[in-house]
C-alpha atoms as a PDB file:
ATOM      1  CA  UNK A   1     -62.890 -33.701  81.324  1.00  0.00           C
ATOM      2  CA  UNK A   2     -60.794 -33.538  84.503  1.00  0.00           C
ATOM      3  CA  UNK A   3     -62.800 -33.519  87.702  1.00  0.00           C
ATOM      4  CA  UNK A   4     -60.902 -30.837  89.646  1.00  0.00           C
ATOM      5  CA  UNK A   5     -62.770 -29.172  92.457  1.00  0.00           C
ATOM      6  CA  UNK A   6     -62.210 -25.772  94.060  1.00  0.00           C
ATOM      7  CA  UNK A   7     -60.163 -27.214  96.936  1.00  0.00           C
ATOM      8  CA  UNK A   8     -57.837 -29.113  94.614  1.00  0.00           C
ATOM      9  CA  UNK A   9     -57.390 -26.001  92.440  1.00  0.00           C
ATOM     10  CA  UNK A  10     -56.477 -23.958  95.548  1.00  0.00           C
ATOM     11  CA  UNK A  11     -53.824 -26.525  96.567  1.00  0.00           C
ATOM     12  CA  UNK A  12     -52.312 -26.438  93.048  1.00  0.00           C
ATOM     13  CA  UNK A  13     -52.238 -22.610  93.149  1.00  0.00           C
ATOM     14  CA  UNK A  14     -50.486 -22.537  96.578  1.00  0.00           C
ATOM     15  CA  UNK A  15     -47.881 -25.090  95.438  1.00  0.00           C
ATOM     16  CA  UNK A  16     -47.287 -23.077  92.225  1.00  0.00           C
ATOM     17  CA  UNK A  17     -46.739 -19.849  94.243  1.00  0.00           C
ATOM     18  CA  UNK A  18     -44.270 -21.608  96.557  1.00  0.00           C
ATOM     19  CA  UNK A  19     -42.349 -23.476  93.799  1.00  0.00           C
ATOM     20  CA  UNK A  20     -42.355 -20.830  91.042  1.00  0.00           C
ATOM     21  CA  UNK A  21     -42.513 -17.742  93.186  1.00  0.00           C
ATOM     22  CA  UNK A  22     -44.807 -14.737  92.921  1.00  0.00           C
ATOM     23  CA  UNK A  23     -42.433 -12.878  90.587  1.00  0.00           C
ATOM     24  CA  UNK A  24     -42.400 -15.499  87.785  1.00  0.00           C
ATOM     25  CA  UNK A  25     -45.961 -16.777  88.315  1.00  0.00           C
ATOM     26  CA  UNK A  26     -47.599 -14.502  85.654  1.00  0.00           C
ATOM     27  CA  UNK A  27     -45.094 -15.656  83.008  1.00  0.00           C
ATOM     28  CA  UNK A  28     -45.668 -19.303  83.958  1.00  0.00           C
ATOM     29  CA  UNK A  29     -49.456 -18.844  83.796  1.00  0.00           C
ATOM     30  CA  UNK A  30     -49.196 -17.231  80.318  1.00  0.00           C
ATOM     31  CA  UNK A  31     -47.025 -20.105  79.098  1.00  0.00           C
ATOM     32  CA  UNK A  32     -49.419 -22.689  80.559  1.00  0.00           C
ATOM     33  CA  UNK A  33     -52.354 -20.869  78.934  1.00  0.00           C
ATOM     34  CA  UNK A  34     -50.658 -20.944  75.534  1.00  0.00           C
ATOM     35  CA  UNK A  35     -49.983 -24.681  75.870  1.00  0.00           C
ATOM     36  CA  UNK A  36     -53.565 -25.370  76.884  1.00  0.00           C
ATOM     37  CA  UNK A  37     -54.827 -23.288  73.920  1.00  0.00           C
ATOM     38  CA  UNK A  38     -52.619 -25.202  71.496  1.00  0.00           C
ATOM     39  CA  UNK A  39     -53.783 -28.501  72.985  1.00  0.00           C
ATOM     40  CA  UNK A  40     -57.430 -27.490  72.597  1.00  0.00           C
ATOM     41  CA  UNK A  41     -56.912 -26.391  68.953  1.00  0.00           C
ATOM     42  CA  UNK A  42     -55.150 -29.653  68.072  1.00  0.00           C
ATOM     43  CA  UNK A  43     -57.848 -31.741  69.743  1.00  0.00           C
ATOM     44  CA  UNK A  44     -60.629 -29.761  68.002  1.00  0.00           C
ATOM     45  CA  UNK A  45     -58.888 -30.217  64.626  1.00  0.00           C
ATOM     46  CA  UNK A  46     -58.478 -33.947  65.280  1.00  0.00           C
ATOM     47  CA  UNK A  47     -62.113 -34.271  66.389  1.00  0.00           C
ATOM     48  CA  UNK A  48     -63.404 -32.431  63.285  1.00  0.00           C
ATOM     49  CA  UNK A  49     -61.317 -34.738  61.051  1.00  0.00           C
ATOM     50  CA  UNK A  50     -62.781 -37.822  62.724  1.00  0.00           C
ATOM     51  CA  UNK A  51     -66.314 -36.375  62.402  1.00  0.00           C
ATOM     52  CA  UNK A  52     -65.769 -35.705  58.680  1.00  0.00           C
ATOM     53  CA  UNK A  53     -64.596 -39.282  58.110  1.00  0.00           C
ATOM     54  CA  UNK A  54     -67.641 -40.656  59.952  1.00  0.00           C
ATOM     55  CA  UNK A  55     -69.999 -38.449  57.869  1.00  0.00           C
ATOM     56  CA  UNK A  56     -68.354 -39.609  54.623  1.00  0.00           C
ATOM     57  CA  UNK A  57     -68.697 -43.261  55.654  1.00  0.00           C
ATOM     58  CA  UNK A  58     -72.371 -42.724  56.538  1.00  0.00           C
ATOM     59  CA  UNK A  59     -73.017 -41.005  53.204  1.00  0.00           C
ATOM     60  CA  UNK A  60     -71.401 -43.874  51.292  1.00  0.00           C
ATOM     61  CA  UNK A  61     -73.571 -46.380  53.151  1.00  0.00           C
ATOM     62  CA  UNK A  62     -76.706 -44.327  52.453  1.00  0.00           C
ATOM     63  CA  UNK A  63     -75.801 -43.998  48.755  1.00  0.00           C
ATOM     64  CA  UNK A  64     -75.376 -47.782  48.473  1.00  0.00           C
ATOM     65  CA  UNK A  65     -78.707 -48.309  50.220  1.00  0.00           C
ATOM     66  CA  UNK A  66     -80.491 -45.763  47.977  1.00  0.00           C
ATOM     67  CA  UNK A  67     -78.957 -47.286  44.849  1.00  0.00           C
ATOM     68  CA  UNK A  68     -80.142 -50.772  45.856  1.00  0.00           C
ATOM     69  CA  UNK A  69     -83.636 -49.455  46.603  1.00  0.00           C
ATOM     70  CA  UNK A  70     -83.738 -47.582  43.283  1.00  0.00           C
ATOM     71  CA  UNK A  71     -82.704 -50.691  41.344  1.00  0.00           C
ATOM     72  CA  UNK A  72     -85.382 -52.743  43.120  1.00  0.00           C
ATOM     73  CA  UNK A  73     -88.063 -50.137  42.320  1.00  0.00           C
ATOM     74  CA  UNK A  74     -86.963 -49.999  38.668  1.00  0.00           C
ATOM     75  CA  UNK A  75     -87.061 -53.819  38.417  1.00  0.00           C
ATOM     76  CA  UNK A  76     -90.562 -53.982  39.893  1.00  0.00           C
ATOM     77  CA  UNK A  77     -91.768 -51.150  37.666  1.00  0.00           C
ATOM     78  CA  UNK A  78     -90.320 -52.792  34.547  1.00  0.00           C
ATOM     79  CA  UNK A  79     -91.845 -56.196  35.362  1.00  0.00           C
ATOM     80  CA  UNK A  80     -95.299 -54.653  35.992  1.00  0.00           C
ATOM     81  CA  UNK A  81     -95.140 -52.632  32.768  1.00  0.00           C
ATOM     82  CA  UNK A  82     -93.950 -55.640  30.752  1.00  0.00           C
ATOM     83  CA  UNK A  83     -96.808 -57.703  32.154  1.00  0.00           C
ATOM     84  CA  UNK A  84     -99.331 -55.045  31.129  1.00  0.00           C
ATOM     85  CA  UNK A  85     -97.844 -54.281  27.699  1.00  0.00           C
ATOM     86  CA  UNK A  86     -96.685 -57.778  26.819  1.00  0.00           C
ATOM     87  CA  UNK A  87     -93.302 -56.539  25.531  1.00  0.00           C
ATOM     88  CA  UNK A  88     -90.066 -55.433  27.189  1.00  0.00           C
ATOM     89  CA  UNK A  89     -90.152 -51.823  28.285  1.00  0.00           C
ATOM     90  CA  UNK A  90     -87.155 -49.539  28.569  1.00  0.00           C
ATOM     91  CA  UNK A  91     -86.946 -48.004  32.059  1.00  0.00           C
ATOM     92  CA  UNK A  92     -83.756 -45.932  31.638  1.00  0.00           C
ATOM     93  CA  UNK A  93     -83.258 -42.581  29.981  1.00  0.00           C
ATOM     94  CA  UNK A  94     -83.875 -42.395  26.218  1.00  0.00           C
ATOM     95  CA  UNK A  95     -80.856 -42.778  23.930  1.00  0.00           C
ATOM     96  CA  UNK A  96     -79.199 -39.605  22.744  1.00  0.00           C
ATOM     97  CA  UNK A  97     -79.555 -38.896  19.035  1.00  0.00           C
ATOM     98  CA  UNK A  98     -76.050 -38.169  17.791  1.00  0.00           C
ATOM     99  CA  UNK A  99     -76.981 -37.226  14.232  1.00  0.00           C
ATOM    100  CA  UNK A 100     -75.707 -33.728  13.414  1.00  0.00           C
ATOM    101  CA  UNK A 101     -78.360 -31.090  13.094  1.00  0.00           C
ATOM    102  CA  UNK A 102     -77.912 -28.796  10.116  1.00  0.00           C
ATOM    103  CA  UNK A 103     -78.673 -25.141  10.696  1.00  0.00           C
ATOM    104  CA  UNK A 104     -80.835 -23.491   8.051  1.00  0.00           C
ATOM    105  CA  UNK A 105     -78.894 -21.161   5.770  1.00  0.00           C
ATOM    106  CA  UNK A 106     -80.429 -17.721   5.530  1.00  0.00           C
ATOM    107  CA  UNK A 107     -80.340 -16.074   2.115  1.00  0.00           C
ATOM    108  CA  UNK A 108     -78.860 -12.583   2.265  1.00  0.00           C
ATOM    109  CA  UNK A 109     -78.399  -9.994  -0.427  1.00  0.00           C
ATOM    110  CA  UNK A 110     -75.413  -8.305   1.238  1.00  0.00           C
ATOM    111  CA  UNK A 111     -71.937  -9.166  -0.044  1.00  0.00           C
ATOM    112  CA  UNK A 112     -69.465 -10.754   2.366  1.00  0.00           C
ATOM    113  CA  UNK A 113     -67.286  -8.434   4.432  1.00  0.00           C
ATOM    114  CA  UNK A 114     -63.657  -7.926   3.367  1.00  0.00           C
ATOM    115  CA  UNK A 115     -61.009  -9.591   5.531  1.00  0.00           C
ATOM    116  CA  UNK A 116     -59.838  -7.463   8.471  1.00  0.00           C
ATOM    117  CA  UNK A 117     -56.705  -5.367   8.222  1.00  0.00           C
ATOM    118  CA  UNK A 118     -53.630  -6.882   9.874  1.00  0.00           C
ATOM    119  CA  UNK A 119     -52.719  -5.382  13.259  1.00  0.00           C
ATOM    120  CA  UNK A 120     -49.164  -4.561  12.185  1.00  0.00           C
ATOM    121  CA  UNK A 121     -50.384  -1.858   9.792  1.00  0.00           C
ATOM    122  CA  UNK A 122     -52.577  -0.353  12.511  1.00  0.00           C
ATOM    123  CA  UNK A 123     -49.748  -0.248  15.035  1.00  0.00           C
ATOM    124  CA  UNK A 124     -47.366   1.351  12.539  1.00  0.00           C
ATOM    125  CA  UNK A 125     -49.565   4.460  12.157  1.00  0.00           C
ATOM    126  CA  UNK A 126     -48.658   7.396  14.449  1.00  0.00           C
ATOM    127  CA  UNK A 127     -51.233   8.446  17.007  1.00  0.00           C
ATOM    128  CA  UNK A 128     -52.998  11.737  16.342  1.00  0.00           C
ATOM    129  CA  UNK A 129     -54.100  14.043  19.138  1.00  0.00           C
ATOM    130  CA  UNK A 130     -57.625  15.378  19.161  1.00  0.00           C
ATOM    131  CA  UNK A 131     -58.439  19.047  19.407  1.00  0.00           C
ATOM    132  CA  UNK A 132     -60.278  20.334  22.459  1.00  0.00           C
ATOM    133  CA  UNK A 133     -62.921  23.041  22.319  1.00  0.00           C
ATOM    134  CA  UNK A 134     -62.923  25.364  25.319  1.00  0.00           C
ATOM    135  CA  UNK A 135     -65.689  27.938  25.227  1.00  0.00           C
ATOM    136  CA  UNK A 136     -65.767  29.217  21.664  1.00  0.00           C
ATOM    137  CA  UNK A 137     -62.085  28.589  20.863  1.00  0.00           C
ATOM    138  CA  UNK A 138     -60.722  25.310  19.582  1.00  0.00           C
ATOM    139  CA  UNK A 139     -57.353  24.430  21.055  1.00  0.00           C
ATOM    140  CA  UNK A 140     -55.274  22.084  18.921  1.00  0.00           C
ATOM    141  CA  UNK A 141     -52.333  20.317  20.534  1.00  0.00           C
ATOM    142  CA  UNK A 142     -48.885  21.164  19.279  1.00  0.00           C
ATOM    143  CA  UNK A 143     -46.842  18.310  17.886  1.00  0.00           C
ATOM    144  CA  UNK A 144     -43.857  17.577  20.107  1.00  0.00           C
ATOM    145  CA  UNK A 145     -40.791  15.896  18.641  1.00  0.00           C
ATOM    146  CA  UNK A 146     -39.913  12.527  20.071  1.00  0.00           C
ATOM    147  CA  UNK A 147     -37.002  12.643  22.503  1.00  0.00           C
ATOM    148  CA  UNK A 148     -34.630   9.943  23.600  1.00  0.00           C
ATOM    149  CA  UNK A 149     -35.125   8.859  27.215  1.00  0.00           C
ATOM    150  CA  UNK A 150     -32.848  10.676  29.635  1.00  0.00           C
ATOM    151  CA  UNK A 151     -30.468   8.450  31.582  1.00  0.00           C
ATOM    152  CA  UNK A 152     -28.613   9.515  34.725  1.00  0.00           C
ATOM    153  CA  UNK A 153     -24.999  10.538  34.216  1.00  0.00           C
ATOM    154  CA  UNK A 154     -23.881   8.439  37.157  1.00  0.00           C
ATOM    155  CA  UNK A 155     -25.587   5.958  39.441  1.00  0.00           C
ATOM    156  CA  UNK A 156     -27.381   7.297  42.495  1.00  0.00           C
ATOM    157  CA  UNK A 157     -25.639   6.356  45.733  1.00  0.00           C
ATOM    158  CA  UNK A 158     -27.349   8.650  48.189  1.00  0.00           C
ATOM    159  CA  UNK A 159     -24.084   9.738  49.839  1.00  0.00           C
ATOM    160  CA  UNK A 160     -23.487  13.133  48.182  1.00  0.00           C
ATOM    161  CA  UNK A 161     -27.123  14.282  47.876  1.00  0.00           C
ATOM    162  CA  UNK A 162     -27.376  17.656  49.580  1.00  0.00           C
END
C-alpha cells in the first residue's frame, strides 16, 4: 500500500520521540494503532460491500444469459418435435388439474364421539392429591385449608433491619 522502507520508518520514529517525548509515546502509539485498526475495518467492510454488488451483477447477467439459452433450446426442441409429429407440441410443464379430489368415506360401525366437555367445568373442580406408598404403608396427604396471602404490615425500607 505505502512503500515505506526501514530507513524512512526509523526517521519517523526518531521524529515522534523528539516531538511527542518518550513519556507519552506509548499512549500515542496505542491511539495510532486504534485509528489504523478502525481504518482497516472500515475499508474491509467497504470492499466486501463492493464485492457483493459485483457478484450480484454477475449473477444477474448469467441468469439472463441462461434464460436466453434455455428459451432457444426450447424453441429448437419444439420445432423439431412439431416437424416429426406434424402437430404443435407443448414444451412447458403440464397443466395442473384443479378438480377437487373426493376422499373415500370409510364405513364404520362405531357411533360418533360425544362433544368434549367445556374447559370451564374442568377448571372449576378442586385438585385432589394422590396418596404415596412408602414401603408397606400408604401415606395420604392431609387436606390443608386455603389461606389468604400474607401481606407485609409496612413497606420494607432496609433502614431498621437489624
